[in-house]
Amino acid sequence: MAYFFWLMYLGFMGTTAIWFLIKGKYKNNVTRLDFVISIITWFGLFGYVTDTQMLTPIVWKIVFVFSLLWDVIFTIFFAERFAGDFGLEEEEESMPLAAKLSGLIFVMPLYYGIYQYAF
């Protein structure tokens, strides 16, 4: 049953990234970098879920650290600035830090999977 949920999460993450690409939401270098990092982490999660060895564990350790760091930096500093690029409504007031970090909860399974895959 857990495998089924992992496959659903994997499919949702991949579909979301491809949907944003098709809709042309990656309009600048920061959002394009975010897309590239998302695809790399998706491959790591795919390797974990399907138990397929891709690259070496040291590569996935580096991917884990840098992509987690990127997600935190992107969420705190860039996500609100580029919200219009993703079709999200921009608010006049700045989002509180706690609200920004709560968005990271959604990607916790992704990083759990990459961590398990790397270590």
N, C-alpha and C. Protein backbone atom coordinates (compact mmCIF):
# COMPACT_ATOMS: atom_id res chain seq x y z
N MET A 1 0.82 -1.19 0.00
CA MET A 1 0.00 0.00 0.00
C MET A 1 0.87 1.27 0.00
N ALA A 2 1.96 1.22 0.75
CA ALA A 2 2.86 2.37 0.79
C ALA A 2 3.46 2.64 -0.59
N TYR A 3 3.77 1.57 -1.30
CA TYR A 3 4.32 1.71 -2.65
C TYR A 3 3.34 2.47 -3.55
N PHE A 4 2.06 2.17 -3.42
CA PHE A 4 1.03 2.84 -4.21
C PHE A 4 1.02 4.34 -3.91
N PHE A 5 1.11 4.72 -2.64
CA PHE A 5 1.12 6.13 -2.27
C PHE A 5 2.38 6.83 -2.77
N TRP A 6 3.52 6.12 -2.72
CA TRP A 6 4.74 6.69 -3.26
C TRP A 6 4.60 6.93 -4.77
N LEU A 7 4.01 5.98 -5.47
CA LEU A 7 3.80 6.15 -6.91
C LEU A 7 2.87 7.32 -7.21
N MET A 8 1.82 7.48 -6.41
CA MET A 8 0.91 8.61 -6.59
C MET A 8 1.65 9.93 -6.36
N TYR A 9 2.45 10.00 -5.31
CA TYR A 9 3.20 11.23 -5.02
C TYR A 9 4.20 11.51 -6.14
N LEU A 10 4.88 10.48 -6.59
CA LEU A 10 5.84 10.61 -7.68
C LEU A 10 5.15 11.14 -8.94
N GLY A 11 4.00 10.58 -9.26
CA GLY A 11 3.24 11.02 -10.43
C GLY A 11 2.75 12.45 -10.29
N PHE A 12 2.29 12.81 -9.11
CA PHE A 12 1.82 14.18 -8.88
C PHE A 12 2.95 15.19 -9.03
N MET A 13 4.11 14.88 -8.47
CA MET A 13 5.25 15.79 -8.55
C MET A 13 5.71 15.95 -10.01
N GLY A 14 5.79 14.85 -10.73
CA GLY A 14 6.20 14.92 -12.14
C GLY A 14 5.20 15.64 -13.01
N THR A 15 3.93 15.35 -12.79
CA THR A 15 2.87 15.98 -13.57
C THR A 15 2.83 17.48 -13.33
N THR A 16 3.01 17.88 -12.09
CA THR A 16 3.00 19.30 -11.76
C THR A 16 4.15 20.04 -12.45
N ALA A 17 5.33 19.46 -12.41
CA ALA A 17 6.49 20.10 -13.05
C ALA A 17 6.29 20.20 -14.56
N ILE A 18 5.80 19.15 -15.18
CA ILE A 18 5.58 19.16 -16.63
C ILE A 18 4.46 20.14 -17.00
N TRP A 19 3.41 20.20 -16.17
CA TRP A 19 2.31 21.12 -16.44
C TRP A 19 2.81 22.56 -16.42
N PHE A 20 3.63 22.91 -15.42
CA PHE A 20 4.19 24.26 -15.37
C PHE A 20 5.05 24.54 -16.60
N LEU A 21 5.80 23.54 -17.06
CA LEU A 21 6.63 23.71 -18.25
C LEU A 21 5.77 23.95 -19.49
N ILE A 22 4.73 23.16 -19.66
CA ILE A 22 3.86 23.29 -20.83
C ILE A 22 3.15 24.65 -20.83
N LYS A 23 2.74 25.11 -19.67
CA LYS A 23 2.04 26.39 -19.56
C LYS A 23 2.98 27.59 -19.67
N GLY A 24 4.28 27.35 -19.75
CA GLY A 24 5.24 28.44 -19.91
C GLY A 24 5.45 29.26 -18.66
N LYS A 25 5.39 28.64 -17.51
CA LYS A 25 5.51 29.36 -16.25
C LYS A 25 6.95 29.63 -15.85
N TYR A 26 7.90 29.00 -16.51
CA TYR A 26 9.31 29.20 -16.18
C TYR A 26 9.85 30.29 -17.11
N LYS A 27 9.68 31.54 -16.70
CA LYS A 27 9.97 32.66 -17.58
C LYS A 27 11.32 33.32 -17.34
N ASN A 28 11.96 33.05 -16.23
CA ASN A 28 13.23 33.71 -15.95
C ASN A 28 14.23 32.68 -15.43
N ASN A 29 15.45 33.10 -15.23
CA ASN A 29 16.52 32.16 -14.87
C ASN A 29 16.31 31.51 -13.50
N VAL A 30 15.75 32.24 -12.56
CA VAL A 30 15.54 31.67 -11.22
C VAL A 30 14.51 30.55 -11.27
N THR A 31 13.41 30.77 -11.97
CA THR A 31 12.39 29.74 -12.05
C THR A 31 12.84 28.57 -12.94
N ARG A 32 13.68 28.85 -13.93
CA ARG A 32 14.23 27.76 -14.74
C ARG A 32 15.17 26.89 -13.92
N LEU A 33 15.99 27.53 -13.08
CA LEU A 33 16.86 26.78 -12.18
C LEU A 33 16.04 25.94 -11.22
N ASP A 34 14.95 26.49 -10.73
CA ASP A 34 14.06 25.73 -9.85
C ASP A 34 13.49 24.52 -10.58
N PHE A 35 13.15 24.67 -11.85
CA PHE A 35 12.63 23.55 -12.64
C PHE A 35 13.69 22.46 -12.81
N VAL A 36 14.91 22.85 -13.12
CA VAL A 36 15.99 21.88 -13.29
C VAL A 36 16.23 21.11 -11.99
N ILE A 37 16.26 21.83 -10.89
CA ILE A 37 16.46 21.18 -9.59
C ILE A 37 15.29 20.25 -9.28
N SER A 38 14.08 20.67 -9.63
CA SER A 38 12.91 19.82 -9.40
C SER A 38 12.99 18.52 -10.20
N ILE A 39 13.43 18.60 -11.44
CA ILE A 39 13.55 17.40 -12.27
C ILE A 39 14.61 16.47 -11.72
N ILE A 40 15.74 17.02 -11.28
CA ILE A 40 16.81 16.19 -10.71
C ILE A 40 16.31 15.48 -9.45
N THR A 41 15.62 16.22 -8.59
CA THR A 41 15.11 15.58 -7.37
C THR A 41 14.03 14.56 -7.70
N TRP A 42 13.25 14.82 -8.76
CA TRP A 42 12.23 13.86 -9.16
C TRP A 42 12.90 12.53 -9.57
N PHE A 43 14.01 12.62 -10.31
CA PHE A 43 14.72 11.41 -10.69
C PHE A 43 15.24 10.66 -9.46
N GLY A 44 15.69 11.40 -8.45
CA GLY A 44 16.12 10.76 -7.21
C GLY A 44 14.98 10.05 -6.52
N LEU A 45 13.83 10.70 -6.46
CA LEU A 45 12.66 10.06 -5.86
C LEU A 45 12.23 8.85 -6.68
N PHE A 46 12.29 8.95 -7.99
CA PHE A 46 11.96 7.83 -8.86
C PHE A 46 12.88 6.64 -8.57
N GLY A 47 14.16 6.91 -8.42
CA GLY A 47 15.11 5.84 -8.09
C GLY A 47 14.80 5.19 -6.76
N TYR A 48 14.40 6.00 -5.79
CA TYR A 48 14.05 5.45 -4.47
C TYR A 48 12.79 4.60 -4.54
N VAL A 49 11.75 5.14 -5.18
CA VAL A 49 10.46 4.44 -5.22
C VAL A 49 10.56 3.14 -6.01
N THR A 50 11.26 3.16 -7.13
CA THR A 50 11.34 1.96 -7.97
C THR A 50 12.54 1.08 -7.64
N ASP A 51 13.33 1.49 -6.65
CA ASP A 51 14.52 0.75 -6.24
C ASP A 51 15.47 0.52 -7.42
N THR A 52 15.68 1.60 -8.18
CA THR A 52 16.55 1.58 -9.34
C THR A 52 17.80 2.40 -9.03
N GLN A 53 18.97 1.81 -9.24
CA GLN A 53 20.21 2.53 -8.96
C GLN A 53 20.57 3.44 -10.13
N MET A 54 20.56 4.74 -9.87
CA MET A 54 20.99 5.73 -10.85
C MET A 54 22.10 6.54 -10.21
N LEU A 55 23.20 6.65 -10.90
CA LEU A 55 24.37 7.35 -10.40
C LEU A 55 24.86 6.71 -9.09
N THR A 56 25.71 7.41 -8.36
CA THR A 56 26.25 6.86 -7.12
C THR A 56 25.62 7.55 -5.92
N PRO A 57 25.68 6.92 -4.76
CA PRO A 57 25.09 7.55 -3.57
C PRO A 57 25.69 8.92 -3.24
N ILE A 58 26.97 9.12 -3.52
CA ILE A 58 27.57 10.43 -3.23
C ILE A 58 26.91 11.54 -4.04
N VAL A 59 26.53 11.24 -5.28
CA VAL A 59 25.83 12.23 -6.11
C VAL A 59 24.50 12.59 -5.46
N TRP A 60 23.78 11.59 -4.97
CA TRP A 60 22.47 11.85 -4.37
C TRP A 60 22.60 12.54 -3.02
N LYS A 61 23.70 12.32 -2.33
CA LYS A 61 23.95 13.07 -1.09
C LYS A 61 24.13 14.54 -1.40
N ILE A 62 24.89 14.84 -2.43
CA ILE A 62 25.09 16.22 -2.85
C ILE A 62 23.77 16.83 -3.33
N VAL A 63 23.02 16.07 -4.13
CA VAL A 63 21.72 16.55 -4.61
C VAL A 63 20.80 16.82 -3.43
N PHE A 64 20.78 15.93 -2.45
CA PHE A 64 19.92 16.12 -1.28
C PHE A 64 20.24 17.43 -0.57
N VAL A 65 21.51 17.65 -0.26
CA VAL A 65 21.90 18.85 0.50
C VAL A 65 21.61 20.12 -0.29
N PHE A 66 22.06 20.17 -1.54
CA PHE A 66 21.91 21.39 -2.31
C PHE A 66 20.46 21.66 -2.72
N SER A 67 19.69 20.63 -3.03
CA SER A 67 18.30 20.87 -3.41
C SER A 67 17.46 21.28 -2.21
N LEU A 68 17.73 20.71 -1.05
CA LEU A 68 17.02 21.12 0.16
C LEU A 68 17.35 22.57 0.48
N LEU A 69 18.61 22.92 0.40
CA LEU A 69 19.03 24.30 0.63
C LEU A 69 18.37 25.23 -0.39
N TRP A 70 18.34 24.81 -1.65
CA TRP A 70 17.71 25.63 -2.69
C TRP A 70 16.23 25.83 -2.41
N ASP A 71 15.52 24.77 -2.04
CA ASP A 71 14.09 24.90 -1.78
C ASP A 71 13.82 25.88 -0.65
N VAL A 72 14.61 25.83 0.40
CA VAL A 72 14.43 26.76 1.51
C VAL A 72 14.71 28.19 1.05
N ILE A 73 15.81 28.39 0.35
CA ILE A 73 16.16 29.73 -0.14
C ILE A 73 15.11 30.25 -1.12
N PHE A 74 14.68 29.39 -2.06
CA PHE A 74 13.67 29.80 -3.04
C PHE A 74 12.37 30.17 -2.36
N THR A 75 11.95 29.36 -1.39
CA THR A 75 10.69 29.60 -0.70
C THR A 75 10.73 30.90 0.10
N ILE A 76 11.83 31.15 0.78
CA ILE A 76 11.91 32.33 1.63
C ILE A 76 12.11 33.61 0.82
N PHE A 77 13.01 33.57 -0.16
CA PHE A 77 13.40 34.81 -0.84
C PHE A 77 12.78 35.04 -2.21
N PHE A 78 12.47 33.99 -2.96
CA PHE A 78 12.07 34.18 -4.35
C PHE A 78 10.62 33.83 -4.65
N ALA A 79 10.02 32.93 -3.93
CA ALA A 79 8.70 32.43 -4.30
C ALA A 79 7.66 33.54 -4.35
N GLU A 80 7.69 34.43 -3.38
CA GLU A 80 6.71 35.51 -3.36
C GLU A 80 6.94 36.48 -4.53
N ARG A 81 8.20 36.71 -4.85
CA ARG A 81 8.55 37.63 -5.94
C ARG A 81 8.09 37.10 -7.29
N PHE A 82 8.19 35.78 -7.48
CA PHE A 82 7.83 35.17 -8.76
C PHE A 82 6.46 34.51 -8.74
N ALA A 83 5.64 34.85 -7.75
CA ALA A 83 4.30 34.25 -7.65
C ALA A 83 3.48 34.53 -8.90
N GLY A 84 3.63 35.72 -9.48
CA GLY A 84 2.90 36.05 -10.70
C GLY A 84 3.31 35.18 -11.87
N ASP A 85 4.58 34.74 -11.89
CA ASP A 85 5.05 33.86 -12.96
C ASP A 85 4.37 32.50 -12.91
N PHE A 86 3.97 32.09 -11.72
CA PHE A 86 3.33 30.79 -11.55
C PHE A 86 1.81 30.90 -11.58
N GLY A 87 1.30 32.05 -11.88
CA GLY A 87 -0.15 32.22 -11.98
C GLY A 87 -0.82 32.37 -10.63
N LEU A 88 -0.06 32.66 -9.60
CA LEU A 88 -0.62 32.84 -8.27
C LEU A 88 -0.89 34.32 -8.04
N GLU A 89 -1.89 34.60 -7.23
CA GLU A 89 -2.22 35.99 -6.95
C GLU A 89 -1.17 36.58 -6.01
N GLU A 90 -0.79 37.79 -6.32
CA GLU A 90 0.16 38.48 -5.44
C GLU A 90 -0.63 39.31 -4.44
N GLU A 91 -0.22 39.22 -3.20
CA GLU A 91 -0.87 39.98 -2.15
C GLU A 91 -0.09 41.27 -1.94
N GLU A 92 -0.78 42.27 -1.42
CA GLU A 92 -0.11 43.53 -1.15
C GLU A 92 0.85 43.40 0.03
N GLU A 93 0.46 42.63 1.04
CA GLU A 93 1.31 42.45 2.21
C GLU A 93 2.23 41.26 1.99
N SER A 94 3.37 41.31 2.64
CA SER A 94 4.32 40.22 2.56
C SER A 94 3.82 39.03 3.37
N MET A 95 4.05 37.84 2.84
CA MET A 95 3.66 36.64 3.58
C MET A 95 4.57 36.45 4.78
N PRO A 96 4.02 36.04 5.92
CA PRO A 96 4.88 35.77 7.07
C PRO A 96 5.80 34.58 6.79
N LEU A 97 6.94 34.56 7.45
CA LEU A 97 7.92 33.50 7.25
C LEU A 97 7.33 32.13 7.56
N ALA A 98 6.51 32.04 8.60
CA ALA A 98 5.89 30.75 8.96
C ALA A 98 5.01 30.24 7.83
N ALA A 99 4.31 31.12 7.16
CA ALA A 99 3.45 30.71 6.04
C ALA A 99 4.29 30.22 4.87
N LYS A 100 5.42 30.90 4.64
CA LYS A 100 6.31 30.48 3.56
C LYS A 100 6.89 29.10 3.84
N LEU A 101 7.32 28.89 5.07
CA LEU A 101 7.93 27.61 5.42
C LEU A 101 6.92 26.47 5.46
N SER A 102 5.64 26.80 5.71
CA SER A 102 4.64 25.74 5.72
C SER A 102 4.48 25.11 4.34
N GLY A 103 4.82 25.85 3.29
CA GLY A 103 4.79 25.30 1.94
C GLY A 103 5.82 24.20 1.74
N LEU A 104 6.86 24.23 2.55
CA LEU A 104 7.90 23.20 2.46
C LEU A 104 7.41 21.85 2.98
N ILE A 105 6.33 21.85 3.74
CA ILE A 105 5.80 20.59 4.27
C ILE A 105 5.40 19.66 3.12
N PHE A 106 4.90 20.23 2.04
CA PHE A 106 4.47 19.43 0.90
C PHE A 106 5.62 18.65 0.27
N VAL A 107 6.83 19.19 0.31
CA VAL A 107 7.96 18.52 -0.32
C VAL A 107 8.74 17.64 0.66
N MET A 108 8.28 17.53 1.89
CA MET A 108 8.99 16.68 2.86
C MET A 108 9.10 15.22 2.42
N PRO A 109 8.05 14.62 1.85
CA PRO A 109 8.21 13.24 1.36
C PRO A 109 9.26 13.13 0.26
N LEU A 110 9.38 14.14 -0.57
CA LEU A 110 10.39 14.15 -1.62
C LEU A 110 11.78 14.06 -1.00
N TYR A 111 12.03 14.89 -0.01
CA TYR A 111 13.36 14.89 0.60
C TYR A 111 13.59 13.67 1.49
N TYR A 112 12.53 13.12 2.05
CA TYR A 112 12.67 11.86 2.79
C TYR A 112 13.11 10.76 1.83
N GLY A 113 12.49 10.69 0.65
CA GLY A 113 12.84 9.69 -0.33
C GLY A 113 14.26 9.85 -0.85
N ILE A 114 14.67 11.08 -1.13
CA ILE A 114 16.03 11.31 -1.61
C ILE A 114 17.04 10.99 -0.52
N TYR A 115 16.71 11.32 0.73
CA TYR A 115 17.59 10.99 1.84
C TYR A 115 17.77 9.48 1.96
N GLN A 116 16.67 8.76 1.89
CA GLN A 116 16.74 7.28 1.97
C GLN A 116 17.52 6.70 0.80
N TYR A 117 17.37 7.32 -0.34
CA TYR A 117 18.06 6.86 -1.55
C TYR A 117 19.56 7.12 -1.46
N ALA A 118 19.93 8.25 -0.86
CA ALA A 118 21.34 8.65 -0.80
C ALA A 118 22.10 7.99 0.35
N PHE A 119 21.43 7.84 1.46
CA PHE A 119 22.13 7.35 2.66
C PHE A 119 21.70 5.93 2.96
